[in-house]
Amino acid sequence: MLWYLHVCAVNGVVVTGYEDQAEGTMIEDADGSGHLTRVLLKPRVTVTPESDREKALHLHEDAGKLCFIARSVRFPVEHEPEIV
C-alpha cells in the first residue's frame, strides 16, 4: 500500500481511500510444515474525481515492482485492483 500511495502521489493521482481484501494460497506438507504459493491483493482504491482512474489502475504494476515484500518472497504477488 505504501508504495502504491507514493507512486500515485508523484503521478498526480489523489487517493482518498484504500481497502484491501488479500487472499493467499498455502500448501501444507506431510510433516505439517507449509508455505505460501500465491498471494492475491484485491485493493479497492478511491480517488478524487479529478484523478486519472486509468492511471491509478496501472500504477499498481509500478508499486508491485518497487514493493520490498513482493520483491522478497518466493511466490507471485498478483493484483486485482478496483478504482472507484
C-alpha atoms as a PDB file:
ATOM      1  CA  MET A   1       0.000   0.000   0.000  1.00  0.00           C
ATOM      2  CA  LEU A   2       2.746   2.491   0.878  1.00  0.00           C
ATOM      3  CA  TRP A   3       4.497   2.166  -2.471  1.00  0.00           C
ATOM      4  CA  TYR A   4       1.156   2.488  -4.243  1.00  0.00           C
ATOM      5  CA  LEU A   5       0.349   5.681  -2.363  1.00  0.00           C
ATOM      6  CA  HIS A   6       3.807   7.021  -3.199  1.00  0.00           C
ATOM      7  CA  VAL A   7       3.596   6.332  -6.945  1.00  0.00           C
ATOM      8  CA  CYS A   8       0.110   7.847  -7.010  1.00  0.00           C
ATOM      9  CA  ALA A   9       1.336  10.994  -5.257  1.00  0.00           C
ATOM     10  CA  VAL A  10       4.244  11.527  -7.666  1.00  0.00           C
ATOM     11  CA  ASN A  11       1.935  10.895 -10.645  1.00  0.00           C
ATOM     12  CA  GLY A  12      -0.801  13.317  -9.592  1.00  0.00           C
ATOM     13  CA  VAL A  13      -3.375  10.707  -8.530  1.00  0.00           C
ATOM     14  CA  VAL A  14      -5.059  11.698  -5.256  1.00  0.00           C
ATOM     15  CA  VAL A  15      -6.098   8.652  -3.219  1.00  0.00           C
ATOM     16  CA  THR A  16      -8.834   9.266  -0.635  1.00  0.00           C
ATOM     17  CA  GLY A  17      -9.478   5.656   0.385  1.00  0.00           C
ATOM     18  CA  TYR A  18      -7.721   2.280   0.257  1.00  0.00           C
ATOM     19  CA  GLU A  19      -9.053  -1.110   1.388  1.00  0.00           C
ATOM     20  CA  ASP A  20      -7.574  -4.498   0.562  1.00  0.00           C
ATOM     21  CA  GLN A  21      -9.085  -7.969   0.772  1.00  0.00           C
ATOM     22  CA  ALA A  22      -5.924 -10.026   0.318  1.00  0.00           C
ATOM     23  CA  GLU A  23      -6.075 -13.764  -0.306  1.00  0.00           C
ATOM     24  CA  GLY A  24      -3.327 -16.338  -0.006  1.00  0.00           C
ATOM     25  CA  THR A  25      -2.833 -19.922  -1.088  1.00  0.00           C
ATOM     26  CA  MET A  26      -0.797 -22.208   1.160  1.00  0.00           C
ATOM     27  CA  ILE A  27       0.371 -25.774   0.725  1.00  0.00           C
ATOM     28  CA  GLU A  28       0.745 -27.911   3.814  1.00  0.00           C
ATOM     29  CA  ASP A  29       3.359 -30.644   3.611  1.00  0.00           C
ATOM     30  CA  ALA A  30       3.027 -34.136   5.093  1.00  0.00           C
ATOM     31  CA  ASP A  31       5.287 -33.218   8.025  1.00  0.00           C
ATOM     32  CA  GLY A  32       2.994 -30.316   8.982  1.00  0.00           C
ATOM     33  CA  SER A  33       5.203 -27.600   7.544  1.00  0.00           C
ATOM     34  CA  GLY A  34       3.936 -25.452   4.732  1.00  0.00           C
ATOM     35  CA  HIS A  35       4.491 -22.454   2.553  1.00  0.00           C
ATOM     36  CA  LEU A  36       2.580 -19.866   0.591  1.00  0.00           C
ATOM     37  CA  THR A  37       2.379 -20.416  -3.153  1.00  0.00           C
ATOM     38  CA  ARG A  38       0.461 -17.291  -4.170  1.00  0.00           C
ATOM     39  CA  VAL A  39      -0.923 -14.056  -2.794  1.00  0.00           C
ATOM     40  CA  LEU A  40      -3.660 -12.046  -4.473  1.00  0.00           C
ATOM     41  CA  LEU A  41      -4.153  -8.437  -3.437  1.00  0.00           C
ATOM     42  CA  LYS A  42      -7.610  -7.041  -4.179  1.00  0.00           C
ATOM     43  CA  PRO A  43      -7.349  -3.356  -3.324  1.00  0.00           C
ATOM     44  CA  ARG A  44     -10.371  -1.085  -3.643  1.00  0.00           C
ATOM     45  CA  VAL A  45      -8.973   2.384  -4.175  1.00  0.00           C
ATOM     46  CA  THR A  46     -10.995   5.596  -4.076  1.00  0.00           C
ATOM     47  CA  VAL A  47      -9.567   8.584  -5.947  1.00  0.00           C
ATOM     48  CA  THR A  48     -10.774  12.146  -6.413  1.00  0.00           C
ATOM     49  CA  PRO A  49     -12.969  12.851  -9.465  1.00  0.00           C
ATOM     50  CA  GLU A  50     -10.117  14.880 -10.992  1.00  0.00           C
ATOM     51  CA  SER A  51      -7.675  11.969 -10.797  1.00  0.00           C
ATOM     52  CA  ASP A  52      -6.956   9.765 -13.806  1.00  0.00           C
ATOM     53  CA  ARG A  53      -8.644   6.461 -12.932  1.00  0.00           C
ATOM     54  CA  GLU A  54      -6.877   4.551 -15.720  1.00  0.00           C
ATOM     55  CA  LYS A  55      -3.501   5.769 -14.471  1.00  0.00           C
ATOM     56  CA  ALA A  56      -4.484   4.831 -10.903  1.00  0.00           C
ATOM     57  CA  LEU A  57      -5.234   1.314 -12.117  1.00  0.00           C
ATOM     58  CA  HIS A  58      -1.914   0.869 -13.931  1.00  0.00           C
ATOM     59  CA  LEU A  59       0.157   2.302 -11.079  1.00  0.00           C
ATOM     60  CA  HIS A  60      -0.434  -0.959  -9.176  1.00  0.00           C
ATOM     61  CA  GLU A  61       2.088  -2.570 -11.539  1.00  0.00           C
ATOM     62  CA  ASP A  62       4.720   0.060 -10.692  1.00  0.00           C
ATOM     63  CA  ALA A  63       4.083  -0.308  -6.969  1.00  0.00           C
ATOM     64  CA  GLY A  64       4.424  -4.095  -7.197  1.00  0.00           C
ATOM     65  CA  LYS A  65       7.848  -3.751  -8.836  1.00  0.00           C
ATOM     66  CA  LEU A  66       9.049  -1.467  -6.020  1.00  0.00           C
ATOM     67  CA  CYS A  67       7.496  -3.271  -3.029  1.00  0.00           C
ATOM     68  CA  PHE A  68      10.087  -4.685  -0.619  1.00  0.00           C
ATOM     69  CA  ILE A  69       7.823  -7.535   0.450  1.00  0.00           C
ATOM     70  CA  ALA A  70       6.745  -8.553  -3.055  1.00  0.00           C
ATOM     71  CA  ARG A  71      10.401  -8.498  -4.167  1.00  0.00           C
ATOM     72  CA  SER A  72      11.461 -10.664  -1.204  1.00  0.00           C
ATOM     73  CA  VAL A  73       9.055 -13.605  -1.375  1.00  0.00           C
ATOM     74  CA  ARG A  74       9.369 -16.771  -3.492  1.00  0.00           C
ATOM     75  CA  PHE A  75       5.822 -16.748  -4.806  1.00  0.00           C
ATOM     76  CA  PRO A  76       3.874 -14.421  -7.090  1.00  0.00           C
ATOM     77  CA  VAL A  77       2.053 -11.436  -5.632  1.00  0.00           C
ATOM     78  CA  GLU A  78      -0.763 -10.580  -8.013  1.00  0.00           C
ATOM     79  CA  HIS A  79      -3.176  -7.625  -8.117  1.00  0.00           C
ATOM     80  CA  GLU A  80      -6.862  -7.297  -8.979  1.00  0.00           C
ATOM     81  CA  PRO A  81      -7.429  -3.603  -8.247  1.00  0.00           C
ATOM     82  CA  GLU A  82     -10.718  -1.749  -8.396  1.00  0.00           C
ATOM     83  CA  ILE A  83     -10.669   2.028  -8.773  1.00  0.00           C
ATOM     84  CA  VAL A  84     -13.698   3.998  -7.606  1.00  0.00           C
END
